[in-house]
Amino acid sequence: MASFFGWLRSNSEHYLLVAAHQKLARTLGSPPPRPPKGLKELFWLRVFAPVYALLPWPVRSRIMRAMPGSHRQTWAPPPRSRGPAV
């Protein structure tokens, strides 16, 4: 099932980036990315990205923590000091 979550994360990151690019292009008056083609792109850009943007951060964070993947990994603890460095 981890491959499904990898696919989900990869697609969501990609299309959220495209949606952010579209928003920035509108704001700055620069050329936007190409319009979505096909049902897949329409879903990710017209349904997923707007709904995701409406979710409050605690809900987004809880969803991400519930899914397996690299976003659940924590930083390694710092190595113990072994005396002065000099």
Protein backbone atom coordinates (compact mmCIF):
# COMPACT_ATOMS: atom_id res chain seq x y z
CA MET A 1 0.00 0.00 0.00
CA ALA A 2 3.00 2.29 0.41
CA SER A 3 3.21 2.63 -3.38
CA PHE A 4 -0.31 4.10 -3.42
CA PHE A 5 0.71 6.72 -0.86
CA GLY A 6 3.85 7.47 -2.85
CA TRP A 7 1.74 7.97 -5.96
CA LEU A 8 -0.72 10.14 -4.03
CA ARG A 9 2.03 12.30 -2.58
CA SER A 10 3.82 12.68 -5.91
CA ASN A 11 0.63 13.69 -7.75
CA SER A 12 -0.59 16.02 -5.01
CA GLU A 13 2.79 17.79 -4.81
CA HIS A 14 2.92 18.19 -8.59
CA TYR A 15 -0.59 19.52 -9.05
CA LEU A 16 -0.44 21.78 -6.00
CA LEU A 17 2.71 23.28 -7.51
CA VAL A 18 0.95 23.77 -10.86
CA ALA A 19 -2.03 25.38 -9.08
CA ALA A 20 0.33 27.71 -7.21
CA HIS A 21 1.99 28.60 -10.52
CA GLN A 22 -1.41 29.40 -12.04
CA LYS A 23 -2.29 31.63 -9.07
CA LEU A 24 1.05 33.42 -9.21
CA ALA A 25 0.73 33.94 -12.97
CA ARG A 26 -2.73 35.52 -12.47
CA THR A 27 -1.40 37.76 -9.70
CA LEU A 28 1.67 38.92 -11.63
CA GLY A 29 0.11 38.94 -15.09
CA SER A 30 2.64 36.46 -16.45
CA PRO A 31 1.91 33.53 -18.77
CA PRO A 32 0.20 30.67 -16.91
CA PRO A 33 0.99 26.98 -17.35
CA ARG A 34 -0.90 25.20 -20.09
CA PRO A 35 -4.58 24.47 -19.37
CA PRO A 36 -5.41 21.03 -17.92
CA LYS A 37 -5.90 18.21 -20.41
CA GLY A 38 -7.97 15.14 -19.64
CA LEU A 39 -10.00 14.07 -16.64
CA LYS A 40 -6.95 13.37 -14.46
CA GLU A 41 -5.58 16.91 -14.72
CA LEU A 42 -9.05 18.44 -14.44
CA PHE A 43 -9.65 16.53 -11.20
CA TRP A 44 -6.32 17.45 -9.63
CA LEU A 45 -6.44 21.13 -10.65
CA ARG A 46 -10.17 21.89 -10.45
CA VAL A 47 -11.21 19.67 -7.51
CA PHE A 48 -8.25 18.52 -5.40
CA ALA A 49 -6.15 21.72 -5.30
CA PRO A 50 -9.06 24.07 -4.41
CA VAL A 51 -10.43 21.70 -1.74
CA TYR A 52 -6.94 21.23 -0.28
CA ALA A 53 -6.46 25.01 -0.14
CA LEU A 54 -9.72 25.37 1.83
CA LEU A 55 -8.72 22.85 4.50
CA PRO A 56 -7.38 24.39 7.71
CA TRP A 57 -3.75 23.57 8.50
CA PRO A 58 -4.52 21.24 11.47
CA VAL A 59 -6.64 19.04 9.18
CA ARG A 60 -3.97 18.96 6.45
CA SER A 61 -1.30 18.16 9.00
CA ARG A 62 -3.33 15.33 10.53
CA ILE A 63 -3.93 13.80 7.09
CA MET A 64 -0.24 13.94 6.23
CA ARG A 65 0.79 12.40 9.56
CA ALA A 66 -1.72 9.58 9.08
CA MET A 67 -0.19 8.53 5.74
CA PRO A 68 2.99 6.48 5.60
CA GLY A 69 5.94 8.11 3.90
CA SER A 70 8.97 10.32 4.33
CA HIS A 71 6.96 13.18 5.84
CA ARG A 72 6.54 11.03 8.96
CA GLN A 73 10.27 10.57 9.50
CA THR A 74 11.76 12.59 12.30
CA TRP A 75 15.18 14.13 12.47
CA ALA A 76 17.88 12.00 14.04
CA PRO A 77 18.96 13.17 17.49
CA PRO A 78 22.21 15.16 17.49
CA PRO A 79 25.33 13.14 18.25
CA ARG A 80 26.51 13.19 21.84
CA SER A 81 29.36 15.50 22.60
CA ARG A 82 32.69 13.77 23.20
CA GLY A 83 34.54 16.67 24.74
CA PRO A 84 35.95 19.85 23.28
CA ALA A 85 36.28 20.08 19.50
CA VAL A 86 39.68 21.70 19.76
